[in-house]
Amino acid sequence: MYRKYLLPMGIILCLSLLLRWLDAWLADWMVIVLRCCGLFCFGMSLNFGKHKKYETWLRKVIISFVLIFFLVWELGYVMIPQLKSFFDVLGLYGYIVYLIYIYCGWAFFD
């Protein structure tokens, strides 16, 4: 029961309190990286104990590239106007990116 319900709840609670308290002292990029890591860990905790027998390294590499791309995109290092307008049309900004971080964490160990 601990691993299934309390661990994800504890991760979200600790992440929110940590971001709330450290927001004034940390730089903006550190808050973004901490949020990304916390949401990825939350996604991993949702899939705890459900490992399949086959492990594919290619899927993990693709998920890692997607996670790094959205992290670099959110940090502002990738500025492609056509891609930005495409993401705006799709609505990929704000909380949707956070859900992508959670999905990457969940899919990493699926």
Protein backbone atom coordinates (compact mmCIF):
# COMPACT_ATOMS: atom_id res chain seq x y z
CA MET A 1 0.00 0.00 0.00
CA TYR A 2 2.86 2.36 0.81
CA ARG A 3 4.43 2.09 -2.62
CA LYS A 4 1.18 2.32 -4.51
CA TYR A 5 -0.53 5.26 -2.78
CA LEU A 6 1.68 7.00 -0.24
CA LEU A 7 4.89 7.23 -2.24
CA PRO A 8 3.40 9.23 -5.16
CA MET A 9 1.46 11.42 -2.73
CA GLY A 10 4.61 12.03 -0.69
CA ILE A 11 6.62 12.94 -3.79
CA ILE A 12 4.04 15.50 -4.91
CA LEU A 13 3.73 16.96 -1.40
CA CYS A 14 7.51 17.24 -0.92
CA LEU A 15 7.98 18.68 -4.39
CA SER A 16 5.34 21.35 -3.90
CA LEU A 17 6.66 22.35 -0.46
CA LEU A 18 10.26 22.36 -1.67
CA LEU A 19 9.43 24.51 -4.69
CA ARG A 20 7.37 26.87 -2.54
CA TRP A 21 10.12 27.36 0.04
CA LEU A 22 13.10 27.49 -2.31
CA ASP A 23 11.52 29.64 -5.01
CA ALA A 24 12.85 32.87 -3.48
CA TRP A 25 16.44 31.61 -3.12
CA LEU A 26 16.94 29.60 -6.28
CA ALA A 27 17.44 30.87 -9.80
CA ASP A 28 14.63 30.36 -12.28
CA TRP A 29 16.46 27.67 -14.22
CA MET A 30 17.09 25.69 -11.02
CA VAL A 31 13.38 25.75 -10.18
CA ILE A 32 12.53 24.50 -13.68
CA VAL A 33 15.06 21.65 -13.47
CA LEU A 34 13.90 20.72 -9.96
CA ARG A 35 10.27 20.69 -11.12
CA CYS A 36 11.17 18.50 -14.11
CA CYS A 37 13.07 16.01 -11.95
CA GLY A 38 10.31 15.89 -9.35
CA LEU A 39 7.56 15.29 -11.90
CA PHE A 40 9.66 12.61 -13.61
CA CYS A 41 10.14 10.88 -10.22
CA PHE A 42 6.41 11.14 -9.59
CA GLY A 43 5.73 9.44 -12.92
CA MET A 44 8.21 6.69 -12.08
CA SER A 45 6.54 6.12 -8.72
CA LEU A 46 3.18 5.55 -10.44
CA ASN A 47 4.65 2.57 -12.26
CA PHE A 48 6.49 1.06 -9.31
CA GLY A 49 6.53 -2.74 -9.27
CA LYS A 50 5.01 -3.27 -12.73
CA HIS A 51 8.12 -4.12 -14.74
CA LYS A 52 7.74 -6.14 -17.89
CA LYS A 53 10.08 -8.97 -18.69
CA TYR A 54 11.65 -7.33 -21.73
CA GLU A 55 13.69 -4.18 -21.44
CA THR A 56 14.19 -2.07 -24.53
CA TRP A 57 16.97 0.46 -24.38
CA LEU A 58 15.79 2.28 -27.51
CA ARG A 59 12.52 3.30 -25.87
CA LYS A 60 14.36 4.64 -22.84
CA VAL A 61 16.70 6.65 -25.07
CA ILE A 62 13.75 8.16 -26.97
CA ILE A 63 11.96 9.03 -23.73
CA SER A 64 15.16 10.62 -22.41
CA PHE A 65 15.52 12.74 -25.55
CA VAL A 66 11.88 13.87 -25.31
CA LEU A 67 12.36 14.79 -21.64
CA ILE A 68 15.59 16.68 -22.33
CA PHE A 69 14.05 18.44 -25.34
CA PHE A 70 11.09 19.74 -23.34
CA LEU A 71 13.38 20.72 -20.45
CA VAL A 72 15.66 22.68 -22.79
CA TRP A 73 12.58 24.14 -24.50
CA GLU A 74 11.18 25.31 -21.16
CA LEU A 75 14.54 26.78 -20.18
CA GLY A 76 14.45 28.84 -23.38
CA TYR A 77 17.54 27.50 -25.11
CA VAL A 78 15.66 26.22 -28.17
CA MET A 79 13.97 29.04 -30.04
CA ILE A 80 12.55 27.86 -33.36
CA PRO A 81 9.67 30.15 -34.38
CA GLN A 82 7.93 27.53 -36.53
CA LEU A 83 8.10 24.98 -33.74
CA LYS A 84 6.83 27.52 -31.23
CA SER A 85 3.84 28.36 -33.41
CA PHE A 86 3.19 24.63 -33.93
CA PHE A 87 3.29 24.03 -30.16
CA ASP A 88 0.95 26.99 -29.64
CA VAL A 89 -1.53 25.47 -32.08
CA LEU A 90 -1.32 22.12 -30.28
CA GLY A 91 -1.49 23.80 -26.88
CA LEU A 92 1.82 22.39 -25.64
CA TYR A 93 2.73 24.87 -22.94
CA GLY A 94 2.26 25.28 -19.21
CA TYR A 95 0.68 22.35 -17.45
CA ILE A 96 0.66 20.17 -20.56
CA VAL A 97 4.46 20.12 -20.47
CA TYR A 98 4.29 19.05 -16.81
CA LEU A 99 2.01 16.18 -17.81
CA ILE A 100 4.56 15.21 -20.46
CA TYR A 101 7.23 15.05 -17.72
CA ILE A 102 4.98 12.76 -15.67
CA TYR A 103 4.25 10.59 -18.70
CA CYS A 104 7.95 10.29 -19.49
CA GLY A 105 8.61 9.10 -15.95
CA TRP A 106 5.78 6.59 -16.15
CA ALA A 107 6.77 5.29 -19.58
CA PHE A 108 10.46 5.06 -18.69
CA PHE A 109 9.87 1.99 -16.51
CA ASP A 110 6.77 0.61 -18.20
